Amino acid sequence: MAKLRIFLADDHAVVREGLKRLIDAAPDMEVIGEAADGREAVEKALIAQPDIVVVDVSMPELNGPAVAVQLKRTSPKIAILALTVHEDKSYLRELLEAGASGYVLKRAAADELIHAIRSVAAGGLYVDPHIAAKLVSSFVLPKAKFSSTAELSDRESAVLRLIAQGHSNKEIANQLSVSVKTVETYKARSMEKLGLRSRVDIIRTASERGWLRTE
């Protein structure tokens, strides 16, 4: 199976080296390039065409959101995962608006970053659980009119909870010992019950129901 091709953009060489060692140690991914500033990141990533660009929010030349906008405009298939120390809601909103698919805090555990990369690679939207609960209410996308009081079955609730936490359909299927198709069925059924339209709506609902709280 081909490995996920990861590009790193961070202005601190020590951080890039640590990330490279961590990612290269994972059996299903590899670092194929890196950059020390935003402009260099855009230029090199457009040539390398990685699957995912892991980008720091605050960088010289171009910041993380600017990098995301330029890359998504030219190469929309490249997924953007922001790695940052910032927990302010404005940064998350700006990155999501720019086209990023994930937002991870630098203080997160090493395996959390690997999980985030896999989730984004699978087409998911990943928000660090430490900040998701307090930030989802400020998402830039328009709020859907949904029924937060609708009753879900245990399996439907479990599927939505895991989706909101950043797990892919395949990971959810493995955890619940069901097929991917069954997961998709539970997801569609629960979204219909609640009147949800997108993954962002799922995260909002999960926040309201307390599914994103950390101990």
N, C-alpha and C. Protein backbone atom coordinates (compact mmCIF):
# COMPACT_ATOMS: atom_id res chain seq x y z
N MET A 1 0.85 -1.20 0.00
CA MET A 1 0.00 0.00 0.00
C MET A 1 0.89 1.24 0.00
N ALA A 2 0.58 2.21 -0.85
CA ALA A 2 1.36 3.43 -0.93
C ALA A 2 1.24 4.23 0.37
N LYS A 3 2.34 4.82 0.78
CA LYS A 3 2.35 5.61 2.00
C LYS A 3 1.76 7.00 1.75
N LEU A 4 1.19 7.58 2.80
CA LEU A 4 0.73 8.97 2.72
C LEU A 4 1.95 9.87 2.61
N ARG A 5 1.91 10.80 1.67
CA ARG A 5 3.04 11.70 1.43
C ARG A 5 2.78 13.03 2.15
N ILE A 6 3.65 13.33 3.12
CA ILE A 6 3.44 14.48 4.00
C ILE A 6 4.49 15.55 3.75
N PHE A 7 4.05 16.80 3.70
CA PHE A 7 4.95 17.95 3.56
C PHE A 7 4.84 18.78 4.83
N LEU A 8 5.99 19.20 5.39
CA LEU A 8 6.03 19.95 6.64
C LEU A 8 6.38 21.42 6.39
N ALA A 9 5.64 22.32 7.01
CA ALA A 9 5.94 23.76 6.90
C ALA A 9 5.94 24.37 8.30
N ASP A 10 7.12 24.68 8.79
CA ASP A 10 7.28 25.29 10.12
C ASP A 10 8.60 26.03 10.12
N ASP A 11 8.62 27.22 10.71
CA ASP A 11 9.84 28.02 10.67
C ASP A 11 10.87 27.63 11.72
N HIS A 12 10.58 26.63 12.54
CA HIS A 12 11.53 26.15 13.53
C HIS A 12 12.10 24.79 13.09
N ALA A 13 13.40 24.76 12.84
CA ALA A 13 14.06 23.54 12.35
C ALA A 13 13.92 22.39 13.34
N VAL A 14 13.99 22.69 14.63
CA VAL A 14 13.88 21.65 15.65
C VAL A 14 12.49 21.01 15.61
N VAL A 15 11.46 21.83 15.43
CA VAL A 15 10.10 21.31 15.33
C VAL A 15 9.95 20.43 14.10
N ARG A 16 10.46 20.89 12.97
CA ARG A 16 10.37 20.09 11.73
C ARG A 16 11.07 18.76 11.89
N GLU A 17 12.23 18.77 12.52
CA GLU A 17 12.98 17.52 12.71
C GLU A 17 12.21 16.55 13.60
N GLY A 18 11.60 17.08 14.66
CA GLY A 18 10.81 16.22 15.54
C GLY A 18 9.60 15.63 14.83
N LEU A 19 8.92 16.46 14.05
CA LEU A 19 7.76 15.99 13.29
C LEU A 19 8.17 14.95 12.27
N LYS A 20 9.29 15.19 11.61
CA LYS A 20 9.76 14.25 10.58
C LYS A 20 10.05 12.88 11.19
N ARG A 21 10.72 12.85 12.33
CA ARG A 21 11.02 11.58 12.99
C ARG A 21 9.72 10.86 13.39
N LEU A 22 8.77 11.63 13.92
CA LEU A 22 7.50 11.05 14.36
C LEU A 22 6.73 10.47 13.18
N ILE A 23 6.61 11.23 12.10
CA ILE A 23 5.83 10.79 10.94
C ILE A 23 6.50 9.65 10.21
N ASP A 24 7.80 9.74 10.03
CA ASP A 24 8.52 8.67 9.32
C ASP A 24 8.49 7.36 10.10
N ALA A 25 8.27 7.42 11.41
CA ALA A 25 8.19 6.21 12.22
C ALA A 25 6.87 5.48 12.03
N ALA A 26 5.86 6.17 11.51
CA ALA A 26 4.56 5.54 11.24
C ALA A 26 4.68 4.70 9.97
N PRO A 27 4.12 3.51 9.96
CA PRO A 27 4.30 2.61 8.82
C PRO A 27 3.58 3.03 7.54
N ASP A 28 2.59 3.92 7.67
CA ASP A 28 1.77 4.26 6.52
C ASP A 28 1.96 5.68 6.01
N MET A 29 3.04 6.35 6.44
CA MET A 29 3.26 7.72 5.98
C MET A 29 4.74 8.07 5.96
N GLU A 30 5.08 9.09 5.17
CA GLU A 30 6.46 9.54 5.07
C GLU A 30 6.51 11.01 4.75
N VAL A 31 7.55 11.69 5.22
CA VAL A 31 7.76 13.10 4.91
C VAL A 31 8.53 13.20 3.59
N ILE A 32 7.97 13.93 2.63
CA ILE A 32 8.60 14.03 1.31
C ILE A 32 9.14 15.42 1.02
N GLY A 33 9.01 16.35 1.98
CA GLY A 33 9.53 17.69 1.77
C GLY A 33 9.23 18.57 2.96
N GLU A 34 9.93 19.70 3.05
CA GLU A 34 9.70 20.62 4.15
C GLU A 34 10.09 22.04 3.75
N ALA A 35 9.56 23.01 4.50
CA ALA A 35 9.83 24.41 4.22
C ALA A 35 9.89 25.20 5.52
N ALA A 36 10.67 26.30 5.51
CA ALA A 36 10.86 27.10 6.71
C ALA A 36 10.02 28.37 6.72
N ASP A 37 9.33 28.67 5.62
CA ASP A 37 8.43 29.82 5.61
C ASP A 37 7.27 29.55 4.66
N GLY A 38 6.26 30.41 4.74
CA GLY A 38 5.04 30.17 3.98
C GLY A 38 5.21 30.20 2.48
N ARG A 39 5.98 31.15 1.98
CA ARG A 39 6.15 31.25 0.53
C ARG A 39 6.88 30.03 -0.03
N GLU A 40 7.92 29.61 0.70
CA GLU A 40 8.66 28.41 0.30
C GLU A 40 7.76 27.19 0.36
N ALA A 41 6.87 27.15 1.34
CA ALA A 41 5.95 26.02 1.49
C ALA A 41 5.05 25.89 0.27
N VAL A 42 4.49 27.01 -0.19
CA VAL A 42 3.61 26.98 -1.35
C VAL A 42 4.38 26.52 -2.59
N GLU A 43 5.56 27.11 -2.82
CA GLU A 43 6.34 26.78 -4.01
C GLU A 43 6.74 25.31 -4.03
N LYS A 44 7.26 24.81 -2.91
CA LYS A 44 7.74 23.42 -2.88
C LYS A 44 6.59 22.42 -2.88
N ALA A 45 5.51 22.73 -2.17
CA ALA A 45 4.38 21.80 -2.11
C ALA A 45 3.70 21.66 -3.47
N LEU A 46 3.62 22.73 -4.22
CA LEU A 46 3.00 22.66 -5.55
C LEU A 46 3.82 21.77 -6.48
N ILE A 47 5.13 21.74 -6.26
CA ILE A 47 5.99 20.86 -7.06
C ILE A 47 5.90 19.42 -6.57
N ALA A 48 5.96 19.23 -5.25
CA ALA A 48 5.97 17.88 -4.68
C ALA A 48 4.61 17.19 -4.73
N GLN A 49 3.51 17.99 -4.70
CA GLN A 49 2.15 17.45 -4.70
C GLN A 49 1.95 16.36 -3.62
N PRO A 50 2.15 16.73 -2.35
CA PRO A 50 1.93 15.77 -1.26
C PRO A 50 0.44 15.49 -1.06
N ASP A 51 0.14 14.48 -0.26
CA ASP A 51 -1.26 14.22 0.10
C ASP A 51 -1.72 15.24 1.14
N ILE A 52 -0.83 15.56 2.08
CA ILE A 52 -1.17 16.46 3.17
C ILE A 52 -0.02 17.42 3.45
N VAL A 53 -0.35 18.68 3.67
CA VAL A 53 0.63 19.66 4.14
C VAL A 53 0.32 19.96 5.60
N VAL A 54 1.27 19.69 6.48
CA VAL A 54 1.14 20.05 7.89
C VAL A 54 1.80 21.41 8.05
N VAL A 55 1.00 22.42 8.36
CA VAL A 55 1.50 23.79 8.33
C VAL A 55 1.31 24.51 9.67
N ASP A 56 2.35 25.21 10.10
CA ASP A 56 2.25 26.05 11.29
C ASP A 56 1.38 27.26 10.95
N VAL A 57 0.64 27.75 11.92
CA VAL A 57 -0.24 28.89 11.67
C VAL A 57 0.56 30.18 11.51
N SER A 58 1.56 30.38 12.36
CA SER A 58 2.36 31.61 12.34
C SER A 58 3.72 31.35 11.71
N MET A 59 3.93 31.87 10.50
CA MET A 59 5.19 31.68 9.79
C MET A 59 5.59 32.96 9.06
N PRO A 60 6.88 33.14 8.77
CA PRO A 60 7.32 34.30 7.98
C PRO A 60 6.80 34.22 6.54
N GLU A 61 6.82 35.35 5.86
CA GLU A 61 6.43 35.47 4.45
C GLU A 61 4.93 35.29 4.26
N LEU A 62 4.43 34.08 4.45
CA LEU A 62 2.99 33.80 4.38
C LEU A 62 2.61 32.99 5.61
N ASN A 63 1.50 33.36 6.27
CA ASN A 63 1.07 32.57 7.42
C ASN A 63 0.29 31.34 6.98
N GLY A 64 -0.09 30.51 7.94
CA GLY A 64 -0.79 29.27 7.63
C GLY A 64 -2.04 29.42 6.79
N PRO A 65 -2.96 30.34 7.16
CA PRO A 65 -4.16 30.53 6.35
C PRO A 65 -3.84 30.94 4.91
N ALA A 66 -2.85 31.82 4.73
CA ALA A 66 -2.48 32.25 3.38
C ALA A 66 -1.93 31.09 2.57
N VAL A 67 -1.14 30.24 3.22
CA VAL A 67 -0.61 29.05 2.55
C VAL A 67 -1.77 28.15 2.12
N ALA A 68 -2.72 27.95 3.02
CA ALA A 68 -3.87 27.08 2.73
C ALA A 68 -4.66 27.61 1.54
N VAL A 69 -4.92 28.91 1.52
CA VAL A 69 -5.69 29.50 0.42
C VAL A 69 -4.99 29.28 -0.91
N GLN A 70 -3.70 29.55 -0.96
CA GLN A 70 -2.97 29.42 -2.23
C GLN A 70 -2.89 27.97 -2.70
N LEU A 71 -2.65 27.07 -1.77
CA LEU A 71 -2.54 25.66 -2.16
C LEU A 71 -3.90 25.11 -2.62
N LYS A 72 -4.96 25.43 -1.89
CA LYS A 72 -6.29 24.90 -2.24
C LYS A 72 -6.78 25.48 -3.56
N ARG A 73 -6.38 26.72 -3.86
CA ARG A 73 -6.80 27.33 -5.11
C ARG A 73 -6.15 26.63 -6.31
N THR A 74 -4.88 26.27 -6.16
CA THR A 74 -4.13 25.68 -7.27
C THR A 74 -4.19 24.16 -7.28
N SER A 75 -4.14 23.55 -6.09
CA SER A 75 -4.16 22.08 -5.98
C SER A 75 -5.16 21.67 -4.91
N PRO A 76 -6.45 21.70 -5.23
CA PRO A 76 -7.48 21.44 -4.22
C PRO A 76 -7.43 20.04 -3.60
N LYS A 77 -6.75 19.11 -4.24
CA LYS A 77 -6.67 17.76 -3.69
C LYS A 77 -5.70 17.66 -2.52
N ILE A 78 -4.81 18.64 -2.39
CA ILE A 78 -3.89 18.65 -1.25
C ILE A 78 -4.66 19.03 0.02
N ALA A 79 -4.59 18.18 1.03
CA ALA A 79 -5.27 18.46 2.30
C ALA A 79 -4.34 19.27 3.20
N ILE A 80 -4.94 20.17 3.97
CA ILE A 80 -4.17 21.04 4.85
C ILE A 80 -4.49 20.71 6.31
N LEU A 81 -3.44 20.46 7.10
CA LEU A 81 -3.60 20.21 8.53
C LEU A 81 -2.79 21.25 9.28
N ALA A 82 -3.46 22.11 10.04
CA ALA A 82 -2.79 23.16 10.79
C ALA A 82 -2.28 22.60 12.12
N LEU A 83 -1.03 22.93 12.43
CA LEU A 83 -0.41 22.53 13.70
C LEU A 83 0.02 23.82 14.40
N THR A 84 -0.51 24.07 15.59
CA THR A 84 -0.33 25.40 16.18
C THR A 84 -0.35 25.40 17.70
N VAL A 85 0.14 26.49 18.27
CA VAL A 85 0.05 26.69 19.72
C VAL A 85 -1.19 27.51 20.05
N HIS A 86 -1.83 28.07 19.03
CA HIS A 86 -2.95 28.99 19.25
C HIS A 86 -4.26 28.25 19.55
N GLU A 87 -4.93 28.65 20.62
CA GLU A 87 -6.22 28.06 20.96
C GLU A 87 -7.35 29.07 20.81
N ASP A 88 -7.04 30.25 20.29
CA ASP A 88 -8.06 31.27 20.09
C ASP A 88 -9.00 30.89 18.95
N LYS A 89 -10.29 31.14 19.10
CA LYS A 89 -11.27 30.72 18.11
C LYS A 89 -11.06 31.38 16.75
N SER A 90 -10.47 32.56 16.74
CA SER A 90 -10.28 33.27 15.47
C SER A 90 -9.33 32.53 14.55
N TYR A 91 -8.34 31.86 15.12
CA TYR A 91 -7.39 31.12 14.29
C TYR A 91 -8.07 29.91 13.65
N LEU A 92 -8.86 29.18 14.43
CA LEU A 92 -9.56 28.03 13.89
C LEU A 92 -10.51 28.45 12.78
N ARG A 93 -11.25 29.52 13.02
CA ARG A 93 -12.20 30.01 12.02
C ARG A 93 -11.48 30.40 10.74
N GLU A 94 -10.37 31.10 10.87
CA GLU A 94 -9.63 31.55 9.70
C GLU A 94 -9.06 30.37 8.90
N LEU A 95 -8.55 29.36 9.61
CA LEU A 95 -7.99 28.19 8.91
C LEU A 95 -9.07 27.40 8.18
N LEU A 96 -10.22 27.21 8.82
CA LEU A 96 -11.30 26.46 8.19
C LEU A 96 -11.82 27.22 6.97
N GLU A 97 -11.93 28.53 7.12
CA GLU A 97 -12.39 29.34 6.00
C GLU A 97 -11.40 29.27 4.83
N ALA A 98 -10.12 29.13 5.15
CA ALA A 98 -9.08 29.07 4.13
C ALA A 98 -9.02 27.71 3.44
N GLY A 99 -9.71 26.72 4.00
CA GLY A 99 -9.74 25.42 3.35
C GLY A 99 -9.05 24.30 4.08
N ALA A 100 -8.57 24.56 5.31
CA ALA A 100 -7.91 23.51 6.08
C ALA A 100 -8.91 22.44 6.50
N SER A 101 -8.42 21.21 6.63
CA SER A 101 -9.27 20.09 7.03
C SER A 101 -9.00 19.63 8.45
N GLY A 102 -7.99 20.23 9.08
CA GLY A 102 -7.67 19.81 10.44
C GLY A 102 -6.95 20.88 11.22
N TYR A 103 -7.06 20.82 12.55
CA TYR A 103 -6.47 21.81 13.44
C TYR A 103 -6.00 21.09 14.69
N VAL A 104 -4.68 20.99 14.87
CA VAL A 104 -4.10 20.24 15.99
C VAL A 104 -3.19 21.16 16.80
N LEU A 105 -3.29 21.06 18.12
CA LEU A 105 -2.42 21.84 18.99
C LEU A 105 -1.06 21.19 19.11
N LYS A 106 -0.02 22.02 19.20
CA LYS A 106 1.33 21.47 19.32
C LYS A 106 1.54 20.77 20.65
N ARG A 107 0.70 21.07 21.64
CA ARG A 107 0.83 20.38 22.92
C ARG A 107 0.15 19.02 22.94
N ALA A 108 -0.47 18.65 21.83
CA ALA A 108 -1.15 17.36 21.76
C ALA A 108 -0.14 16.22 21.81
N ALA A 109 -0.60 15.06 22.22
CA ALA A 109 0.27 13.88 22.25
C ALA A 109 0.67 13.50 20.83
N ALA A 110 1.81 12.83 20.72
CA ALA A 110 2.34 12.46 19.41
C ALA A 110 1.34 11.62 18.62
N ASP A 111 0.70 10.66 19.27
CA ASP A 111 -0.23 9.79 18.55
C ASP A 111 -1.48 10.55 18.09
N GLU A 112 -1.76 11.70 18.73
CA GLU A 112 -2.90 12.51 18.31
C GLU A 112 -2.65 13.13 16.94
N LEU A 113 -1.41 13.55 16.69
CA LEU A 113 -1.07 14.11 15.39
C LEU A 113 -1.17 13.04 14.30
N ILE A 114 -0.66 11.86 14.60
CA ILE A 114 -0.74 10.76 13.62
C ILE A 114 -2.20 10.43 13.31
N HIS A 115 -3.02 10.41 14.35
CA HIS A 115 -4.46 10.15 14.16
C HIS A 115 -5.09 11.25 13.32
N ALA A 116 -4.71 12.49 13.57
CA ALA A 116 -5.26 13.62 12.81
C ALA A 116 -4.88 13.52 11.34
N ILE A 117 -3.63 13.15 11.05
CA ILE A 117 -3.18 13.01 9.67
C ILE A 117 -4.00 11.94 8.96
N ARG A 118 -4.20 10.82 9.61
CA ARG A 118 -4.97 9.73 8.99
C ARG A 118 -6.43 10.14 8.79
N SER A 119 -6.99 10.86 9.74
CA SER A 119 -8.38 11.30 9.61
C SER A 119 -8.56 12.25 8.43
N VAL A 120 -7.65 13.22 8.31
CA VAL A 120 -7.71 14.17 7.21
C VAL A 120 -7.49 13.46 5.88
N ALA A 121 -6.55 12.51 5.86
CA ALA A 121 -6.28 11.76 4.63
C ALA A 121 -7.49 10.97 4.17
N ALA A 122 -8.31 10.55 5.13
CA ALA A 122 -9.52 9.77 4.81
C ALA A 122 -10.69 10.66 4.43
N GLY A 123 -10.45 11.96 4.35
CA GLY A 123 -11.53 12.88 3.96
C GLY A 123 -12.27 13.50 5.12
N GLY A 124 -11.78 13.29 6.34
CA GLY A 124 -12.48 13.80 7.50
C GLY A 124 -12.09 15.23 7.85
N LEU A 125 -12.84 15.81 8.76
CA LEU A 125 -12.53 17.12 9.33
C LEU A 125 -12.09 16.87 10.76
N TYR A 126 -10.86 17.26 11.10
CA TYR A 126 -10.34 16.97 12.44
C TYR A 126 -10.08 18.25 13.20
N VAL A 127 -10.65 18.34 14.40
CA VAL A 127 -10.40 19.47 15.30
C VAL A 127 -9.91 18.90 16.63
N ASP A 128 -8.79 19.41 17.11
CA ASP A 128 -8.21 18.93 18.36
C ASP A 128 -9.29 18.90 19.45
N PRO A 129 -9.46 17.75 20.11
CA PRO A 129 -10.53 17.63 21.12
C PRO A 129 -10.37 18.59 22.29
N HIS A 130 -9.16 19.10 22.54
CA HIS A 130 -8.96 20.04 23.64
C HIS A 130 -9.66 21.37 23.39
N ILE A 131 -9.88 21.71 22.12
CA ILE A 131 -10.49 23.01 21.83
C ILE A 131 -11.81 22.90 21.08
N ALA A 132 -12.15 21.72 20.58
CA ALA A 132 -13.35 21.56 19.77
C ALA A 132 -14.61 22.03 20.51
N ALA A 133 -14.76 21.60 21.75
CA ALA A 133 -15.99 21.89 22.48
C ALA A 133 -16.25 23.38 22.65
N LYS A 134 -15.19 24.16 22.85
CA LYS A 134 -15.41 25.60 23.10
C LYS A 134 -15.35 26.43 21.83
N LEU A 135 -14.99 25.83 20.69
CA LEU A 135 -14.82 26.60 19.48
C LEU A 135 -15.84 26.32 18.38
N VAL A 136 -16.49 25.17 18.41
CA VAL A 136 -17.36 24.81 17.29
C VAL A 136 -18.51 25.79 17.09
N SER A 137 -18.91 26.47 18.14
CA SER A 137 -20.03 27.40 18.01
C SER A 137 -19.68 28.60 17.13
N SER A 138 -18.41 28.82 16.89
CA SER A 138 -18.00 29.98 16.09
C SER A 138 -17.57 29.61 14.68
N PHE A 139 -17.88 28.42 14.23
CA PHE A 139 -17.51 28.00 12.89
C PHE A 139 -18.06 28.98 11.85
N VAL A 140 -17.32 29.18 10.78
CA VAL A 140 -17.71 30.17 9.78
C VAL A 140 -18.87 29.72 8.91
N LEU A 141 -19.12 28.43 8.83
CA LEU A 141 -20.19 27.96 7.97
C LEU A 141 -21.54 28.28 8.60
N PRO A 142 -22.57 28.54 7.80
CA PRO A 142 -23.89 28.86 8.37
C PRO A 142 -24.46 27.71 9.16
N LYS A 143 -25.11 28.03 10.25
CA LYS A 143 -25.69 26.99 11.08
C LYS A 143 -26.92 26.38 10.44
N ALA A 144 -27.01 25.07 10.56
CA ALA A 144 -28.19 24.39 10.04
C ALA A 144 -29.30 24.45 11.09
N LYS A 145 -30.52 24.37 10.63
CA LYS A 145 -31.64 24.32 11.56
C LYS A 145 -31.90 22.85 11.87
N PHE A 146 -31.38 22.41 13.02
CA PHE A 146 -31.52 21.00 13.34
C PHE A 146 -32.15 20.82 14.71
N SER A 147 -32.63 19.63 14.92
CA SER A 147 -33.29 19.30 16.18
C SER A 147 -32.30 18.63 17.11
N SER A 148 -31.79 19.37 18.09
CA SER A 148 -30.81 18.80 19.02
C SER A 148 -31.44 17.86 20.03
N THR A 149 -32.77 17.81 20.04
CA THR A 149 -33.45 16.96 21.02
C THR A 149 -33.94 15.64 20.42
N ALA A 150 -33.76 15.44 19.14
CA ALA A 150 -34.21 14.20 18.50
C ALA A 150 -33.51 13.00 19.14
N GLU A 151 -34.24 11.91 19.25
CA GLU A 151 -33.70 10.71 19.87
C GLU A 151 -32.94 9.87 18.84
N LEU A 152 -31.77 9.41 19.22
CA LEU A 152 -30.96 8.52 18.37
C LEU A 152 -30.80 7.20 19.09
N SER A 153 -30.60 6.14 18.30
CA SER A 153 -30.29 4.86 18.91
C SER A 153 -28.87 4.90 19.45
N ASP A 154 -28.49 3.91 20.25
CA ASP A 154 -27.14 3.88 20.81
C ASP A 154 -26.09 3.84 19.71
N ARG A 155 -26.34 3.03 18.67
CA ARG A 155 -25.40 2.92 17.57
C ARG A 155 -25.30 4.21 16.76
N GLU A 156 -26.43 4.86 16.54
CA GLU A 156 -26.42 6.13 15.81
C GLU A 156 -25.64 7.19 16.58
N SER A 157 -25.86 7.23 17.91
CA SER A 157 -25.13 8.18 18.74
C SER A 157 -23.64 7.88 18.72
N ALA A 158 -23.29 6.59 18.79
CA ALA A 158 -21.88 6.20 18.80
C ALA A 158 -21.19 6.61 17.51
N VAL A 159 -21.87 6.41 16.37
CA VAL A 159 -21.29 6.77 15.08
C VAL A 159 -21.07 8.27 14.99
N LEU A 160 -22.07 9.07 15.36
CA LEU A 160 -21.92 10.52 15.29
C LEU A 160 -20.83 11.01 16.23
N ARG A 161 -20.76 10.42 17.42
CA ARG A 161 -19.74 10.82 18.39
C ARG A 161 -18.34 10.58 17.83
N LEU A 162 -18.13 9.42 17.23
CA LEU A 162 -16.81 9.08 16.68
C LEU A 162 -16.47 9.94 15.47
N ILE A 163 -17.47 10.25 14.65
CA ILE A 163 -17.24 11.14 13.51
C ILE A 163 -16.79 12.51 14.01
N ALA A 164 -17.49 13.03 15.03
CA ALA A 164 -17.16 14.34 15.58
C ALA A 164 -15.76 14.36 16.19
N GLN A 165 -15.31 13.23 16.69
CA GLN A 165 -13.99 13.14 17.30
C GLN A 165 -12.88 12.96 16.26
N GLY A 166 -13.28 12.90 14.99
CA GLY A 166 -12.28 12.87 13.92
C GLY A 166 -11.98 11.51 13.32
N HIS A 167 -12.74 10.48 13.70
CA HIS A 167 -12.48 9.14 13.17
C HIS A 167 -13.08 8.98 11.77
N SER A 168 -12.39 8.22 10.92
CA SER A 168 -12.90 7.93 9.59
C SER A 168 -13.95 6.82 9.67
N ASN A 169 -14.71 6.63 8.59
CA ASN A 169 -15.72 5.57 8.57
C ASN A 169 -15.09 4.20 8.79
N LYS A 170 -13.92 3.99 8.22
CA LYS A 170 -13.24 2.70 8.37
C LYS A 170 -12.84 2.46 9.82
N GLU A 171 -12.32 3.50 10.48
CA GLU A 171 -11.94 3.36 11.89
C GLU A 171 -13.16 3.10 12.76
N ILE A 172 -14.26 3.76 12.45
CA ILE A 172 -15.49 3.56 13.22
C ILE A 172 -16.01 2.14 13.03
N ALA A 173 -15.96 1.65 11.79
CA ALA A 173 -16.41 0.30 11.50
C ALA A 173 -15.60 -0.71 12.30
N ASN A 174 -14.30 -0.51 12.39
CA ASN A 174 -13.44 -1.42 13.15
C ASN A 174 -13.76 -1.36 14.64
N GLN A 175 -13.99 -0.16 15.16
CA GLN A 175 -14.29 -0.02 16.59
C GLN A 175 -15.62 -0.66 16.97
N LEU A 176 -16.61 -0.52 16.07
CA LEU A 176 -17.95 -1.03 16.38
C LEU A 176 -18.20 -2.43 15.84
N SER A 177 -17.18 -2.98 15.14
CA SER A 177 -17.28 -4.34 14.56
C SER A 177 -18.45 -4.46 13.59
N VAL A 178 -18.55 -3.46 12.72
CA VAL A 178 -19.57 -3.48 11.67
C VAL A 178 -18.89 -3.12 10.35
N SER A 179 -19.64 -3.17 9.26
CA SER A 179 -19.07 -2.82 7.96
C SER A 179 -19.08 -1.31 7.77
N VAL A 180 -18.26 -0.83 6.83
CA VAL A 180 -18.23 0.59 6.51
C VAL A 180 -19.60 1.03 5.99
N LYS A 181 -20.25 0.17 5.21
CA LYS A 181 -21.56 0.49 4.69
C LYS A 181 -22.58 0.69 5.82
N THR A 182 -22.47 -0.13 6.86
CA THR A 182 -23.36 0.01 8.00
C THR A 182 -23.13 1.33 8.71
N VAL A 183 -21.86 1.71 8.84
CA VAL A 183 -21.53 3.00 9.45
C VAL A 183 -22.16 4.14 8.65
N GLU A 184 -22.04 4.06 7.34
CA GLU A 184 -22.62 5.09 6.47
C GLU A 184 -24.13 5.16 6.62
N THR A 185 -24.75 4.00 6.82
CA THR A 185 -26.20 3.95 7.01
C THR A 185 -26.60 4.63 8.32
N TYR A 186 -25.88 4.29 9.41
CA TYR A 186 -26.16 4.93 10.70
C TYR A 186 -25.95 6.43 10.62
N LYS A 187 -24.89 6.84 9.93
CA LYS A 187 -24.59 8.26 9.79
C LYS A 187 -25.72 8.98 9.05
N ALA A 188 -26.14 8.42 7.92
CA ALA A 188 -27.19 9.04 7.12
C ALA A 188 -28.50 9.10 7.89
N ARG A 189 -28.82 8.02 8.60
CA ARG A 189 -30.08 7.96 9.35
C ARG A 189 -30.09 9.00 10.48
N SER A 190 -28.97 9.08 11.22
CA SER A 190 -28.92 10.03 12.34
C SER A 190 -28.90 11.47 11.86
N MET A 191 -28.21 11.72 10.74
CA MET A 191 -28.21 13.08 10.19
C MET A 191 -29.60 13.50 9.73
N GLU A 192 -30.34 12.55 9.17
CA GLU A 192 -31.71 12.84 8.73
C GLU A 192 -32.60 13.15 9.93
N LYS A 193 -32.44 12.37 11.01
CA LYS A 193 -33.24 12.59 12.21
C LYS A 193 -33.00 13.98 12.81
N LEU A 194 -31.73 14.40 12.79
CA LEU A 194 -31.36 15.66 13.41
C LEU A 194 -31.40 16.84 12.46
N GLY A 195 -31.57 16.56 11.17
CA GLY A 195 -31.59 17.63 10.19
C GLY A 195 -30.22 18.23 9.92
N LEU A 196 -29.18 17.41 10.02
CA LEU A 196 -27.82 17.88 9.81
C LEU A 196 -27.45 17.81 8.34
N ARG A 197 -26.56 18.72 7.90
CA ARG A 197 -26.18 18.77 6.50
C ARG A 197 -24.71 18.45 6.26
N SER A 198 -23.89 18.61 7.28
CA SER A 198 -22.46 18.49 7.05
C SER A 198 -21.76 17.96 8.30
N ARG A 199 -20.45 17.69 8.13
CA ARG A 199 -19.62 17.23 9.24
C ARG A 199 -19.51 18.33 10.31
N VAL A 200 -19.52 19.58 9.88
CA VAL A 200 -19.47 20.69 10.84
C VAL A 200 -20.71 20.67 11.73
N ASP A 201 -21.89 20.39 11.14
CA ASP A 201 -23.12 20.29 11.92
C ASP A 201 -23.03 19.14 12.92
N ILE A 202 -22.39 18.05 12.51
CA ILE A 202 -22.21 16.91 13.42
C ILE A 202 -21.38 17.33 14.62
N ILE A 203 -20.31 18.09 14.37
CA ILE A 203 -19.44 18.53 15.46
C ILE A 203 -20.19 19.48 16.40
N ARG A 204 -21.00 20.37 15.82
CA ARG A 204 -21.80 21.28 16.66
C ARG A 204 -22.74 20.47 17.58
N THR A 205 -23.40 19.48 16.99
CA THR A 205 -24.32 18.66 17.76
C THR A 205 -23.58 17.90 18.86
N ALA A 206 -22.41 17.35 18.51
CA ALA A 206 -21.60 16.62 19.49
C ALA A 206 -21.20 17.53 20.65
N SER A 207 -20.89 18.78 20.33
CA SER A 207 -20.52 19.73 21.38
C SER A 207 -21.70 20.00 22.29
N GLU A 208 -22.89 20.20 21.72
CA GLU A 208 -24.08 20.48 22.52
C GLU A 208 -24.43 19.31 23.43
N ARG A 209 -24.17 18.10 22.95
CA ARG A 209 -24.52 16.91 23.75
C ARG A 209 -23.39 16.48 24.68
N GLY A 210 -22.30 17.25 24.70
CA GLY A 210 -21.22 16.95 25.62
C GLY A 210 -20.30 15.84 25.20
N TRP A 211 -20.32 15.46 23.91
CA TRP A 211 -19.50 14.35 23.43
C TRP A 211 -18.05 14.72 23.20
N LEU A 212 -17.73 16.01 23.20
CA LEU A 212 -16.36 16.44 22.93
C LEU A 212 -15.63 16.90 24.18
N ARG A 213 -16.25 16.75 25.32
CA ARG A 213 -15.59 17.18 26.55
C ARG A 213 -14.43 16.26 26.87
N THR A 214 -13.33 16.85 27.34
CA THR A 214 -12.17 16.05 27.76
C THR A 214 -12.11 16.04 29.27
N GLU A 215 -11.58 14.93 29.77
CA GLU A 215 -11.47 14.79 31.24
C GLU A 215 -10.34 15.67 31.76
